[in-house]
Amino acid sequence: MAEKKLVIPPKKYRGPTAVVSARLPADLIASLDRAAEKTGYNRNEIIEKCLEYAIERLDTEEGRAT
């Protein structure tokens, strides 16, 4: 039997980042962790994807926010 190798694809460089701290309800963090476990992404990546999705679709009374 051939030995299986762990293959980790390189992450795409997305430019500079910054640390942001946010207080979230414990049940929301648990939901994020479940999503991370199911998808293989880490919690930070799930939060980033959710925020990108929301901001792209965010409307204000004046119209599109982005």
Protein backbone atom coordinates (compact mmCIF):
# COMPACT_ATOMS: atom_id res chain seq x y z
CA MET A 1 0.00 0.00 0.00
CA ALA A 2 1.39 3.37 -1.00
CA GLU A 3 1.96 5.86 1.76
CA LYS A 4 -0.49 8.75 1.62
CA LYS A 5 1.12 12.17 1.65
CA LEU A 6 -0.17 15.26 3.32
CA VAL A 7 -0.54 17.89 0.59
CA ILE A 8 -1.14 21.45 1.72
CA PRO A 9 -1.83 23.84 -1.15
CA PRO A 10 -0.20 27.27 -0.86
CA LYS A 11 -2.38 30.10 0.32
CA LYS A 12 -2.77 32.97 -2.07
CA TYR A 13 -1.18 36.16 -0.85
CA ARG A 14 -3.95 38.67 -0.26
CA GLY A 15 -1.90 41.66 0.77
CA PRO A 16 -1.26 43.14 4.16
CA THR A 17 -3.52 42.23 7.05
CA ALA A 18 -4.36 43.72 10.43
CA VAL A 19 -5.63 42.25 13.66
CA VAL A 20 -9.20 43.14 14.61
CA SER A 21 -10.76 42.17 17.91
CA ALA A 22 -14.50 41.69 18.27
CA ARG A 23 -16.75 40.44 21.05
CA LEU A 24 -19.19 37.84 19.74
CA PRO A 25 -21.90 35.82 21.49
CA ALA A 26 -20.70 32.36 22.53
CA ASP A 27 -23.37 30.64 20.39
CA LEU A 28 -22.17 32.52 17.30
CA ILE A 29 -18.58 31.43 17.98
CA ALA A 30 -19.80 27.85 18.32
CA SER A 31 -21.55 28.15 14.95
CA LEU A 32 -18.38 29.54 13.38
CA ASP A 33 -16.38 26.65 14.82
CA ARG A 34 -18.87 24.10 13.46
CA ALA A 35 -18.66 25.72 10.01
CA ALA A 36 -14.87 25.66 10.23
CA GLU A 37 -14.85 21.98 11.16
CA LYS A 38 -17.22 21.05 8.32
CA THR A 39 -15.37 23.04 5.66
CA GLY A 40 -11.74 22.61 6.66
CA TYR A 41 -11.25 26.37 6.94
CA ASN A 42 -10.14 27.88 10.23
CA ARG A 43 -12.34 30.24 12.24
CA ASN A 44 -10.58 33.34 10.92
CA GLU A 45 -11.10 32.24 7.30
CA ILE A 46 -14.80 31.57 7.94
CA ILE A 47 -15.23 35.03 9.52
CA GLU A 48 -13.40 36.65 6.60
CA LYS A 49 -15.58 34.87 4.02
CA CYS A 50 -18.77 35.80 5.89
CA LEU A 51 -17.73 39.44 6.15
CA GLU A 52 -16.78 39.62 2.47
CA TYR A 53 -20.13 38.10 1.52
CA ALA A 54 -22.08 40.51 3.73
CA ILE A 55 -20.22 43.64 2.67
CA GLU A 56 -20.64 42.83 -1.03
CA ARG A 57 -24.40 42.68 -0.45
CA LEU A 58 -24.77 45.49 2.08
CA ASP A 59 -27.29 48.21 1.28
CA THR A 60 -27.90 51.46 3.11
CA GLU A 61 -30.77 53.89 2.84
CA GLU A 62 -28.66 55.81 0.33
CA GLY A 63 -27.98 52.71 -1.79
CA ARG A 64 -25.15 50.25 -2.13
CA ALA A 65 -22.51 50.60 0.57
CA THR A 66 -19.65 49.37 -1.59
